[in-house]
């Protein structure tokens, strides 16, 4: 149908129509490839109900059983290195290693 130029005619050289009755709209709108589908609007209450679960949740903080500082749940305490009553991280070694690295970096810069 698109390549069939014999069945087309125009009105005022602006809009192209066909001889066939099954086309009730100009062909210039049909060449877009789709026709817009009208959808219903959501009411304000429907939108608000959907967005009611979008609020940010606060993180759950608990006191460490060993040192008493606040920490995130189910994680190792950052101040003492204990998790569920057992020492998991040796924070003294970690700090010493970090200081040693910084000294080496300063020595290279000089």
PDB file of N, CA and C in Angstrom:
ATOM      1  N   UNK A   1       0.822  -1.180   0.000  1.00  0.00           N
ATOM      2  CA  UNK A   1       0.000   0.000   0.000  1.00  0.00           C
ATOM      3  C   UNK A   1       0.870   1.249   0.000  1.00  0.00           C
ATOM      4  N   UNK A   2       2.027   1.215   0.689  1.00  0.00           N
ATOM      5  CA  UNK A   2       2.849   2.409   0.782  1.00  0.00           C
ATOM      6  C   UNK A   2       3.450   2.771  -0.566  1.00  0.00           C
ATOM      7  N   UNK A   3       3.873   1.787  -1.341  1.00  0.00           N
ATOM      8  CA  UNK A   3       4.492   2.061  -2.627  1.00  0.00           C
ATOM      9  C   UNK A   3       3.486   2.211  -3.759  1.00  0.00           C
ATOM     10  N   UNK A   4       2.221   2.058  -3.498  1.00  0.00           N
ATOM     11  CA  UNK A   4       1.182   2.111  -4.524  1.00  0.00           C
ATOM     12  C   UNK A   4       0.754   3.564  -4.726  1.00  0.00           C
ATOM     13  N   UNK A   5       1.400   4.289  -5.678  1.00  0.00           N
ATOM     14  CA  UNK A   5       1.140   5.708  -5.877  1.00  0.00           C
ATOM     15  C   UNK A   5      -0.097   5.960  -6.735  1.00  0.00           C
ATOM     16  N   UNK A   6      -0.598   4.941  -7.427  1.00  0.00           N
ATOM     17  CA  UNK A   6      -1.762   5.134  -8.287  1.00  0.00           C
ATOM     18  C   UNK A   6      -3.048   5.307  -7.489  1.00  0.00           C
ATOM     19  N   UNK A   7      -3.096   4.810  -6.276  1.00  0.00           N
ATOM     20  CA  UNK A   7      -4.310   4.867  -5.474  1.00  0.00           C
ATOM     21  C   UNK A   7      -4.339   6.062  -4.523  1.00  0.00           C
ATOM     22  N   UNK A   8      -3.399   7.006  -4.669  1.00  0.00           N
ATOM     23  CA  UNK A   8      -3.320   8.151  -3.776  1.00  0.00           C
ATOM     24  C   UNK A   8      -3.745   9.417  -4.504  1.00  0.00           C
ATOM     25  N   UNK A   9      -4.378  10.321  -3.783  1.00  0.00           N
ATOM     26  CA  UNK A   9      -4.646  11.650  -4.322  1.00  0.00           C
ATOM     27  C   UNK A   9      -4.526  12.651  -3.194  1.00  0.00           C
ATOM     28  N   UNK A  10      -4.355  13.929  -3.516  1.00  0.00           N
ATOM     29  CA  UNK A  10      -4.136  14.916  -2.470  1.00  0.00           C
ATOM     30  C   UNK A  10      -5.170  16.023  -2.579  1.00  0.00           C
ATOM     31  N   UNK A  11      -5.416  16.658  -1.451  1.00  0.00           N
ATOM     32  CA  UNK A  11      -6.268  17.829  -1.381  1.00  0.00           C
ATOM     33  C   UNK A  11      -5.391  19.016  -1.024  1.00  0.00           C
ATOM     34  N   UNK A  12      -5.367  20.022  -1.873  1.00  0.00           N
ATOM     35  CA  UNK A  12      -4.583  21.244  -1.666  1.00  0.00           C
ATOM     36  C   UNK A  12      -3.094  20.957  -1.502  1.00  0.00           C
ATOM     37  N   UNK A  13      -2.586  19.883  -2.040  1.00  0.00           N
ATOM     38  CA  UNK A  13      -1.172  19.495  -2.010  1.00  0.00           C
ATOM     39  C   UNK A  13      -0.606  19.410  -0.586  1.00  0.00           C
ATOM     40  N   UNK A  14      -1.454  19.185   0.410  1.00  0.00           N
ATOM     41  CA  UNK A  14      -0.940  19.109   1.775  1.00  0.00           C
ATOM     42  C   UNK A  14      -1.242  17.767   2.426  1.00  0.00           C
ATOM     43  N   UNK A  15      -2.428  17.229   2.210  1.00  0.00           N
ATOM     44  CA  UNK A  15      -2.820  16.001   2.872  1.00  0.00           C
ATOM     45  C   UNK A  15      -3.065  14.925   1.832  1.00  0.00           C
ATOM     46  N   UNK A  16      -2.550  13.740   2.084  1.00  0.00           N
ATOM     47  CA  UNK A  16      -2.701  12.635   1.136  1.00  0.00           C
ATOM     48  C   UNK A  16      -3.767  11.686   1.666  1.00  0.00           C
ATOM     49  N   UNK A  17      -4.763  11.375   0.839  1.00  0.00           N
ATOM     50  CA  UNK A  17      -5.802  10.420   1.185  1.00  0.00           C
ATOM     51  C   UNK A  17      -5.757   9.272   0.181  1.00  0.00           C
ATOM     52  N   UNK A  18      -6.399   8.177   0.510  1.00  0.00           N
ATOM     53  CA  UNK A  18      -6.475   7.054  -0.424  1.00  0.00           C
ATOM     54  C   UNK A  18      -7.887   6.918  -0.945  1.00  0.00           C
ATOM     55  N   UNK A  19      -8.018   6.135  -2.015  1.00  0.00           N
ATOM     56  CA  UNK A  19      -9.336   5.877  -2.589  1.00  0.00           C
ATOM     57  C   UNK A  19     -10.131   4.913  -1.708  1.00  0.00           C
ATOM     58  N   UNK A  20      -9.427   4.114  -0.936  1.00  0.00           N
ATOM     59  CA  UNK A  20     -10.096   3.084  -0.159  1.00  0.00           C
ATOM     60  C   UNK A  20     -10.793   3.684   1.048  1.00  0.00           C
ATOM     61  N   UNK A  21     -11.918   3.090   1.445  1.00  0.00           N
ATOM     62  CA  UNK A  21     -12.715   3.628   2.535  1.00  0.00           C
ATOM     63  C   UNK A  21     -12.205   3.189   3.913  1.00  0.00           C
ATOM     64  N   UNK A  22     -11.328   2.184   3.966  1.00  0.00           N
ATOM     65  CA  UNK A  22     -10.871   1.705   5.264  1.00  0.00           C
ATOM     66  C   UNK A  22      -9.867   2.662   5.907  1.00  0.00           C
ATOM     67  N   UNK A  23      -9.368   3.661   5.182  1.00  0.00           N
ATOM     68  CA  UNK A  23      -8.496   4.685   5.759  1.00  0.00           C
ATOM     69  C   UNK A  23      -9.334   5.920   6.024  1.00  0.00           C
ATOM     70  N   UNK A  24      -9.546   6.228   7.296  1.00  0.00           N
ATOM     71  CA  UNK A  24     -10.347   7.380   7.664  1.00  0.00           C
ATOM     72  C   UNK A  24      -9.472   8.538   8.119  1.00  0.00           C
ATOM     73  N   UNK A  25      -8.146   8.401   7.999  1.00  0.00           N
ATOM     74  CA  UNK A  25      -7.236   9.452   8.436  1.00  0.00           C
ATOM     75  C   UNK A  25      -6.206   9.679   7.340  1.00  0.00           C
ATOM     76  N   UNK A  26      -5.588  10.845   7.325  1.00  0.00           N
ATOM     77  CA  UNK A  26      -4.579  11.120   6.297  1.00  0.00           C
ATOM     78  C   UNK A  26      -3.384  10.184   6.445  1.00  0.00           C
ATOM     79  N   UNK A  27      -2.758   9.828   5.338  1.00  0.00           N
ATOM     80  CA  UNK A  27      -1.626   8.917   5.358  1.00  0.00           C
ATOM     81  C   UNK A  27      -0.383   9.544   5.978  1.00  0.00           C
ATOM     82  N   UNK A  28      -0.301  10.873   6.021  1.00  0.00           N
ATOM     83  CA  UNK A  28       0.881  11.493   6.615  1.00  0.00           C
ATOM     84  C   UNK A  28       0.977  11.175   8.102  1.00  0.00           C
ATOM     85  N   UNK A  29      -0.158  10.931   8.760  1.00  0.00           N
ATOM     86  CA  UNK A  29      -0.130  10.533  10.157  1.00  0.00           C
ATOM     87  C   UNK A  29       0.146   9.046  10.300  1.00  0.00           C
ATOM     88  N   UNK A  30      -0.166   8.262   9.297  1.00  0.00           N
ATOM     89  CA  UNK A  30       0.038   6.815   9.352  1.00  0.00           C
ATOM     90  C   UNK A  30       1.490   6.439   9.144  1.00  0.00           C
ATOM     91  N   UNK A  31       2.290   7.323   8.558  1.00  0.00           N
ATOM     92  CA  UNK A  31       3.683   6.982   8.288  1.00  0.00           C
ATOM     93  C   UNK A  31       4.553   7.063   9.538  1.00  0.00           C
ATOM     94  N   UNK A  32       4.019   7.544  10.656  1.00  0.00           N
ATOM     95  CA  UNK A  32       4.784   7.618  11.890  1.00  0.00           C
ATOM     96  C   UNK A  32       5.111   6.207  12.383  1.00  0.00           C
ATOM     97  N   UNK A  33       4.243   5.266  12.173  1.00  0.00           N
ATOM     98  CA  UNK A  33       4.492   3.892  12.557  1.00  0.00           C
ATOM     99  C   UNK A  33       3.671   3.463  13.752  1.00  0.00           C
ATOM    100  N   UNK A  34       3.081   4.380  14.464  1.00  0.00           N
ATOM    101  CA  UNK A  34       2.235   4.040  15.597  1.00  0.00           C
ATOM    102  C   UNK A  34       1.243   5.167  15.804  1.00  0.00           C
ATOM    103  N   UNK A  35       0.176   4.847  16.494  1.00  0.00           N
ATOM    104  CA  UNK A  35      -0.826   5.836  16.842  1.00  0.00           C
ATOM    105  C   UNK A  35      -0.895   5.881  18.359  1.00  0.00           C
ATOM    106  N   UNK A  36      -0.971   7.070  18.925  1.00  0.00           N
ATOM    107  CA  UNK A  36      -0.932   7.245  20.367  1.00  0.00           C
ATOM    108  C   UNK A  36      -2.107   6.535  21.045  1.00  0.00           C
ATOM    109  N   UNK A  37      -1.823   5.891  22.172  1.00  0.00           N
ATOM    110  CA  UNK A  37      -2.847   5.222  22.952  1.00  0.00           C
ATOM    111  C   UNK A  37      -3.176   6.120  24.143  1.00  0.00           C
ATOM    112  N   UNK A  38      -4.426   6.451  24.322  1.00  0.00           N
ATOM    113  CA  UNK A  38      -4.851   7.302  25.419  1.00  0.00           C
ATOM    114  C   UNK A  38      -4.953   6.441  26.671  1.00  0.00           C
ATOM    115  N   UNK A  39      -4.309   6.891  27.753  1.00  0.00           N
ATOM    116  CA  UNK A  39      -4.333   6.137  29.007  1.00  0.00           C
ATOM    117  C   UNK A  39      -4.951   7.010  30.081  1.00  0.00           C
ATOM    118  N   UNK A  40      -5.484   6.358  31.091  1.00  0.00           N
ATOM    119  CA  UNK A  40      -6.132   7.090  32.171  1.00  0.00           C
ATOM    120  C   UNK A  40      -5.081   7.711  33.090  1.00  0.00           C
ATOM    121  N   UNK A  41      -5.409   8.870  33.639  1.00  0.00           N
ATOM    122  CA  UNK A  41      -4.523   9.515  34.602  1.00  0.00           C
ATOM    123  C   UNK A  41      -4.660   8.837  35.958  1.00  0.00           C
ATOM    124  N   UNK A  42      -3.579   8.863  36.728  1.00  0.00           N
ATOM    125  CA  UNK A  42      -3.651   8.398  38.107  1.00  0.00           C
ATOM    126  C   UNK A  42      -4.094   9.563  38.982  1.00  0.00           C
ATOM    127  N   UNK A  43      -4.958   9.301  39.910  1.00  0.00           N
ATOM    128  CA  UNK A  43      -5.389  10.352  40.816  1.00  0.00           C
ATOM    129  C   UNK A  43      -4.260  10.668  41.801  1.00  0.00           C
ATOM    130  N   UNK A  44      -4.392  11.788  42.496  1.00  0.00           N
ATOM    131  CA  UNK A  44      -3.366  12.181  43.465  1.00  0.00           C
ATOM    132  C   UNK A  44      -3.250  11.166  44.586  1.00  0.00           C
ATOM    133  N   UNK A  45      -4.393  10.624  45.005  1.00  0.00           N
ATOM    134  CA  UNK A  45      -4.359   9.646  46.102  1.00  0.00           C
ATOM    135  C   UNK A  45      -3.689   8.350  45.666  1.00  0.00           C
ATOM    136  N   UNK A  46      -3.929   7.933  44.423  1.00  0.00           N
ATOM    137  CA  UNK A  46      -3.299   6.713  43.917  1.00  0.00           C
ATOM    138  C   UNK A  46      -1.784   6.903  43.854  1.00  0.00           C
ATOM    139  N   UNK A  47      -1.338   8.050  43.373  1.00  0.00           N
ATOM    140  CA  UNK A  47       0.091   8.341  43.291  1.00  0.00           C
ATOM    141  C   UNK A  47       0.710   8.395  44.684  1.00  0.00           C
ATOM    142  N   UNK A  48       0.009   9.042  45.632  1.00  0.00           N
ATOM    143  CA  UNK A  48       0.528   9.141  46.995  1.00  0.00           C
ATOM    144  C   UNK A  48       0.602   7.765  47.657  1.00  0.00           C
ATOM    145  N   UNK A  49      -0.390   6.915  47.411  1.00  0.00           N
ATOM    146  CA  UNK A  49      -0.367   5.562  47.982  1.00  0.00           C
ATOM    147  C   UNK A  49       0.804   4.756  47.436  1.00  0.00           C
ATOM    148  N   UNK A  50       1.103   4.910  46.158  1.00  0.00           N
ATOM    149  CA  UNK A  50       2.225   4.190  45.558  1.00  0.00           C
ATOM    150  C   UNK A  50       3.544   4.687  46.143  1.00  0.00           C
ATOM    151  N   UNK A  51       3.641   5.995  46.369  1.00  0.00           N
ATOM    152  CA  UNK A  51       4.890   6.579  46.854  1.00  0.00           C
ATOM    153  C   UNK A  51       5.055   6.478  48.368  1.00  0.00           C
ATOM    154  N   UNK A  52       4.076   5.921  49.060  1.00  0.00           N
ATOM    155  CA  UNK A  52       4.160   5.849  50.520  1.00  0.00           C
ATOM    156  C   UNK A  52       5.300   4.951  50.981  1.00  0.00           C
ATOM    157  N   UNK A  53       5.784   4.062  50.128  1.00  0.00           N
ATOM    158  CA  UNK A  53       6.873   3.155  50.476  1.00  0.00           C
ATOM    159  C   UNK A  53       8.224   3.679  50.030  1.00  0.00           C
ATOM    160  N   UNK A  54       8.282   4.893  49.486  1.00  0.00           N
ATOM    161  CA  UNK A  54       9.536   5.434  48.964  1.00  0.00           C
ATOM    162  C   UNK A  54      10.357   6.176  50.017  1.00  0.00           C
ATOM    163  N   UNK A  55       9.863   6.279  51.235  1.00  0.00           N
ATOM    164  CA  UNK A  55      10.571   7.026  52.272  1.00  0.00           C
ATOM    165  C   UNK A  55      11.868   6.313  52.648  1.00  0.00           C
ATOM    166  N   UNK A  56      12.874   7.086  53.022  1.00  0.00           N
ATOM    167  CA  UNK A  56      14.149   6.517  53.425  1.00  0.00           C
ATOM    168  C   UNK A  56      14.038   5.946  54.837  1.00  0.00           C
ATOM    169  N   UNK A  57      14.642   4.803  55.035  1.00  0.00           N
ATOM    170  CA  UNK A  57      14.617   4.160  56.341  1.00  0.00           C
ATOM    171  C   UNK A  57      15.895   4.519  57.090  1.00  0.00           C
ATOM    172  N   UNK A  58      15.799   4.699  58.400  1.00  0.00           N
ATOM    173  CA  UNK A  58      16.990   4.973  59.198  1.00  0.00           C
ATOM    174  C   UNK A  58      17.735   3.664  59.430  1.00  0.00           C
ATOM    175  N   UNK A  59      19.051   3.775  59.550  1.00  0.00           N
ATOM    176  CA  UNK A  59      19.848   2.572  59.776  1.00  0.00           C
ATOM    177  C   UNK A  59      19.707   2.136  61.219  1.00  0.00           C
ATOM    178  N   UNK A  60      19.670   0.840  61.431  1.00  0.00           N
ATOM    179  CA  UNK A  60      19.529   0.313  62.781  1.00  0.00           C
ATOM    180  C   UNK A  60      20.870   0.288  63.482  1.00  0.00           C
ATOM    181  N   UNK A  61      21.018   1.073  64.526  1.00  0.00           N
ATOM    182  CA  UNK A  61      22.262   1.102  65.298  1.00  0.00           C
ATOM    183  C   UNK A  61      22.045   0.388  66.628  1.00  0.00           C
ATOM    184  N   UNK A  62      23.056  -0.359  67.048  1.00  0.00           N
ATOM    185  CA  UNK A  62      23.017  -1.035  68.337  1.00  0.00           C
ATOM    186  C   UNK A  62      24.316  -0.751  69.076  1.00  0.00           C
ATOM    187  N   UNK A  63      24.314  -0.980  70.373  1.00  0.00           N
ATOM    188  CA  UNK A  63      25.531  -0.806  71.166  1.00  0.00           C
ATOM    189  C   UNK A  63      26.371  -2.069  71.064  1.00  0.00           C
ATOM    190  N   UNK A  64      27.666  -1.871  70.949  1.00  0.00           N
ATOM    191  CA  UNK A  64      28.598  -2.991  70.922  1.00  0.00           C
ATOM    192  C   UNK A  64      28.632  -3.625  72.311  1.00  0.00           C
ATOM    193  N   UNK A  65      28.602  -4.956  72.373  1.00  0.00           N
ATOM    194  CA  UNK A  65      28.606  -5.664  73.659  1.00  0.00           C
ATOM    195  C   UNK A  65      29.955  -5.540  74.360  1.00  0.00           C
ATOM    196  N   UNK A  66      31.030  -5.310  73.594  1.00  0.00           N
ATOM    197  CA  UNK A  66      32.364  -5.245  74.171  1.00  0.00           C
ATOM    198  C   UNK A  66      32.726  -3.842  74.657  1.00  0.00           C
ATOM    199  N   UNK A  67      32.595  -2.842  73.784  1.00  0.00           N
ATOM    200  CA  UNK A  67      33.055  -1.494  74.138  1.00  0.00           C
ATOM    201  C   UNK A  67      31.919  -0.513  74.411  1.00  0.00           C
ATOM    202  N   UNK A  68      30.703  -0.802  73.982  1.00  0.00           N
ATOM    203  CA  UNK A  68      29.571   0.069  74.259  1.00  0.00           C
ATOM    204  C   UNK A  68      29.338   1.171  73.229  1.00  0.00           C
ATOM    205  N   UNK A  69      30.191   1.275  72.208  1.00  0.00           N
ATOM    206  CA  UNK A  69      29.976   2.275  71.159  1.00  0.00           C
ATOM    207  C   UNK A  69      28.879   1.814  70.209  1.00  0.00           C
ATOM    208  N   UNK A  70      28.252   2.765  69.520  1.00  0.00           N
ATOM    209  CA  UNK A  70      27.225   2.406  68.548  1.00  0.00           C
ATOM    210  C   UNK A  70      27.862   1.855  67.287  1.00  0.00           C
ATOM    211  N   UNK A  71      27.213   0.838  66.729  1.00  0.00           N
ATOM    212  CA  UNK A  71      27.678   0.228  65.476  1.00  0.00           C
ATOM    213  C   UNK A  71      26.468  -0.197  64.662  1.00  0.00           C
ATOM    214  N   UNK A  72      26.663  -0.399  63.354  1.00  0.00           N
ATOM    215  CA  UNK A  72      25.583  -0.911  62.518  1.00  0.00           C
ATOM    216  C   UNK A  72      25.331  -2.368  62.854  1.00  0.00           C
ATOM    217  N   UNK A  73      24.092  -2.790  62.691  1.00  0.00           N
ATOM    218  CA  UNK A  73      23.742  -4.175  63.004  1.00  0.00           C
ATOM    219  C   UNK A  73      24.460  -5.147  62.076  1.00  0.00           C
ATOM    220  N   UNK A  74      24.796  -6.303  62.610  1.00  0.00           N
ATOM    221  CA  UNK A  74      25.383  -7.416  61.863  1.00  0.00           C
ATOM    222  C   UNK A  74      26.700  -7.047  61.203  1.00  0.00           C
ATOM    223  N   UNK A  75      27.455  -6.143  61.797  1.00  0.00           N
ATOM    224  CA  UNK A  75      28.774  -5.778  61.278  1.00  0.00           C
ATOM    225  C   UNK A  75      29.779  -5.768  62.424  1.00  0.00           C
ATOM    226  N   UNK A  76      31.047  -5.776  62.067  1.00  0.00           N
ATOM    227  CA  UNK A  76      32.116  -5.724  63.048  1.00  0.00           C
ATOM    228  C   UNK A  76      32.176  -4.314  63.617  1.00  0.00           C
ATOM    229  N   UNK A  77      32.417  -4.204  64.910  1.00  0.00           N
ATOM    230  CA  UNK A  77      32.537  -2.894  65.552  1.00  0.00           C
ATOM    231  C   UNK A  77      33.810  -2.215  65.040  1.00  0.00           C
ATOM    232  N   UNK A  78      33.671  -0.965  64.611  1.00  0.00           N
ATOM    233  CA  UNK A  78      34.808  -0.240  64.042  1.00  0.00           C
ATOM    234  C   UNK A  78      35.779   0.239  65.105  1.00  0.00           C
ATOM    235  N   UNK A  79      35.330   0.345  66.353  1.00  0.00           N
ATOM    236  CA  UNK A  79      36.217   0.877  67.387  1.00  0.00           C
ATOM    237  C   UNK A  79      37.016  -0.218  68.104  1.00  0.00           C
ATOM    238  N   UNK A  80      36.451  -1.429  68.250  1.00  0.00           N
ATOM    239  CA  UNK A  80      37.185  -2.468  68.981  1.00  0.00           C
ATOM    240  C   UNK A  80      37.463  -3.721  68.136  1.00  0.00           C
ATOM    241  N   UNK A  81      36.734  -3.940  67.043  1.00  0.00           N
ATOM    242  CA  UNK A  81      36.995  -5.081  66.167  1.00  0.00           C
ATOM    243  C   UNK A  81      36.297  -6.363  66.595  1.00  0.00           C
ATOM    244  N   UNK A  82      35.337  -6.295  67.509  1.00  0.00           N
ATOM    245  CA  UNK A  82      34.619  -7.480  67.968  1.00  0.00           C
ATOM    246  C   UNK A  82      33.320  -7.650  67.181  1.00  0.00           C
ATOM    247  N   UNK A  83      32.923  -8.922  66.978  1.00  0.00           N
ATOM    248  CA  UNK A  83      31.638  -9.255  66.370  1.00  0.00           C
ATOM    249  C   UNK A  83      31.082 -10.469  67.086  1.00  0.00           C
ATOM    250  N   UNK A  84      29.922 -10.348  67.689  1.00  0.00           N
ATOM    251  CA  UNK A  84      29.234 -11.409  68.413  1.00  0.00           C
ATOM    252  C   UNK A  84      30.122 -12.037  69.500  1.00  0.00           C
ATOM    253  N   UNK A  85      30.859 -11.196  70.206  1.00  0.00           N
ATOM    254  CA  UNK A  85      31.669 -11.668  71.328  1.00  0.00           C
ATOM    255  C   UNK A  85      33.038 -12.198  70.962  1.00  0.00           C
ATOM    256  N   UNK A  86      33.401 -12.214  69.689  1.00  0.00           N
ATOM    257  CA  UNK A  86      34.711 -12.715  69.262  1.00  0.00           C
ATOM    258  C   UNK A  86      35.496 -11.594  68.603  1.00  0.00           C
ATOM    259  N   UNK A  87      36.817 -11.602  68.807  1.00  0.00           N
ATOM    260  CA  UNK A  87      37.674 -10.609  68.174  1.00  0.00           C
ATOM    261  C   UNK A  87      37.911 -11.049  66.730  1.00  0.00           C
ATOM    262  N   UNK A  88      37.474 -10.216  65.783  1.00  0.00           N
ATOM    263  CA  UNK A  88      37.569 -10.550  64.371  1.00  0.00           C
ATOM    264  C   UNK A  88      38.677  -9.745  63.702  1.00  0.00           C
ATOM    265  N   UNK A  89      38.774  -8.469  64.026  1.00  0.00           N
ATOM    266  CA  UNK A  89      39.793  -7.599  63.449  1.00  0.00           C
ATOM    267  C   UNK A  89      40.798  -7.186  64.517  1.00  0.00           C
ATOM    268  N   UNK A  90      42.067  -7.188  64.122  1.00  0.00           N
ATOM    269  CA  UNK A  90      43.095  -6.660  65.010  1.00  0.00           C
ATOM    270  C   UNK A  90      43.353  -5.225  64.573  1.00  0.00           C
ATOM    271  N   UNK A  91      42.655  -4.301  65.223  1.00  0.00           N
ATOM    272  CA  UNK A  91      42.719  -2.900  64.808  1.00  0.00           C
ATOM    273  C   UNK A  91      44.063  -2.264  65.125  1.00  0.00           C
ATOM    274  N   UNK A  92      44.782  -2.762  66.126  1.00  0.00           N
ATOM    275  CA  UNK A  92      46.097  -2.213  66.456  1.00  0.00           C
ATOM    276  C   UNK A  92      47.066  -2.470  65.305  1.00  0.00           C
ATOM    277  N   UNK A  93      47.056  -3.702  64.796  1.00  0.00           N
ATOM    278  CA  UNK A  93      47.907  -4.039  63.657  1.00  0.00           C
ATOM    279  C   UNK A  93      47.550  -3.195  62.438  1.00  0.00           C
ATOM    280  N   UNK A  94      46.262  -3.012  62.236  1.00  0.00           N
ATOM    281  CA  UNK A  94      45.790  -2.251  61.082  1.00  0.00           C
ATOM    282  C   UNK A  94      46.284  -0.802  61.149  1.00  0.00           C
ATOM    283  N   UNK A  95      46.212  -0.190  62.337  1.00  0.00           N
ATOM    284  CA  UNK A  95      46.651   1.194  62.507  1.00  0.00           C
ATOM    285  C   UNK A  95      48.165   1.301  62.345  1.00  0.00           C
ATOM    286  N   UNK A  96      48.908   0.341  62.914  1.00  0.00           N
ATOM    287  CA  UNK A  96      50.367   0.347  62.771  1.00  0.00           C
ATOM    288  C   UNK A  96      50.782   0.215  61.313  1.00  0.00           C
ATOM    289  N   UNK A  97      50.092  -0.638  60.580  1.00  0.00           N
ATOM    290  CA  UNK A  97      50.404  -0.833  59.161  1.00  0.00           C
ATOM    291  C   UNK A  97      50.138   0.453  58.377  1.00  0.00           C
ATOM    292  N   UNK A  98      49.048   1.131  58.717  1.00  0.00           N
ATOM    293  CA  UNK A  98      48.690   2.380  58.034  1.00  0.00           C
ATOM    294  C   UNK A  98      49.737   3.463  58.315  1.00  0.00           C
ATOM    295  N   UNK A  99      50.189   3.561  59.586  1.00  0.00           N
ATOM    296  CA  UNK A  99      51.197   4.557  59.945  1.00  0.00           C
ATOM    297  C   UNK A  99      52.525   4.271  59.253  1.00  0.00           C
ATOM    298  N   UNK A 100      52.880   2.999  59.147  1.00  0.00           N
ATOM    299  CA  UNK A 100      54.126   2.609  58.486  1.00  0.00           C
ATOM    300  C   UNK A 100      54.091   2.989  57.008  1.00  0.00           C
ATOM    301  N   UNK A 101      52.937   2.786  56.392  1.00  0.00           N
ATOM    302  CA  UNK A 101      52.763   3.134  54.984  1.00  0.00           C
ATOM    303  C   UNK A 101      52.910   4.647  54.783  1.00  0.00           C
ATOM    304  N   UNK A 102      52.317   5.439  55.678  1.00  0.00           N
ATOM    305  CA  UNK A 102      52.393   6.892  55.582  1.00  0.00           C
ATOM    306  C   UNK A 102      53.833   7.384  55.747  1.00  0.00           C
ATOM    307  N   UNK A 103      54.600   6.778  56.674  1.00  0.00           N
ATOM    308  CA  UNK A 103      56.003   7.153  56.861  1.00  0.00           C
ATOM    309  C   UNK A 103      56.819   6.848  55.614  1.00  0.00           C
ATOM    310  N   UNK A 104      56.556   5.691  55.004  1.00  0.00           N
ATOM    311  CA  UNK A 104      57.280   5.327  53.784  1.00  0.00           C
ATOM    312  C   UNK A 104      56.945   6.282  52.649  1.00  0.00           C
ATOM    313  N   UNK A 105      55.713   6.707  52.566  1.00  0.00           N
ATOM    314  CA  UNK A 105      55.285   7.630  51.520  1.00  0.00           C
ATOM    315  C   UNK A 105      55.956   9.003  51.710  1.00  0.00           C
ATOM    316  N   UNK A 106      56.054   9.461  52.979  1.00  0.00           N
ATOM    317  CA  UNK A 106      56.711  10.749  53.257  1.00  0.00           C
ATOM    318  C   UNK A 106      58.201  10.679  52.938  1.00  0.00           C
ATOM    319  N   UNK A 107      58.816   9.528  53.213  1.00  0.00           N
ATOM    320  CA  UNK A 107      60.250   9.354  52.940  1.00  0.00           C
ATOM    321  C   UNK A 107      60.537   9.390  51.439  1.00  0.00           C
ATOM    322  N   UNK A 108      59.613   8.828  50.637  1.00  0.00           N
ATOM    323  CA  UNK A 108      59.779   8.846  49.178  1.00  0.00           C
ATOM    324  C   UNK A 108      59.607  10.252  48.622  1.00  0.00           C
ATOM    325  N   UNK A 109      58.719  11.030  49.224  1.00  0.00           N
ATOM    326  CA  UNK A 109      58.439  12.389  48.730  1.00  0.00           C
ATOM    327  C   UNK A 109      59.619  13.317  48.969  1.00  0.00           C
ATOM    328  N   UNK A 110      60.423  13.073  50.023  1.00  0.00           N
ATOM    329  CA  UNK A 110      61.566  13.954  50.338  1.00  0.00           C
ATOM    330  C   UNK A 110      62.718  13.603  49.510  1.00  0.00           C
TER     331      UNK A 110
END
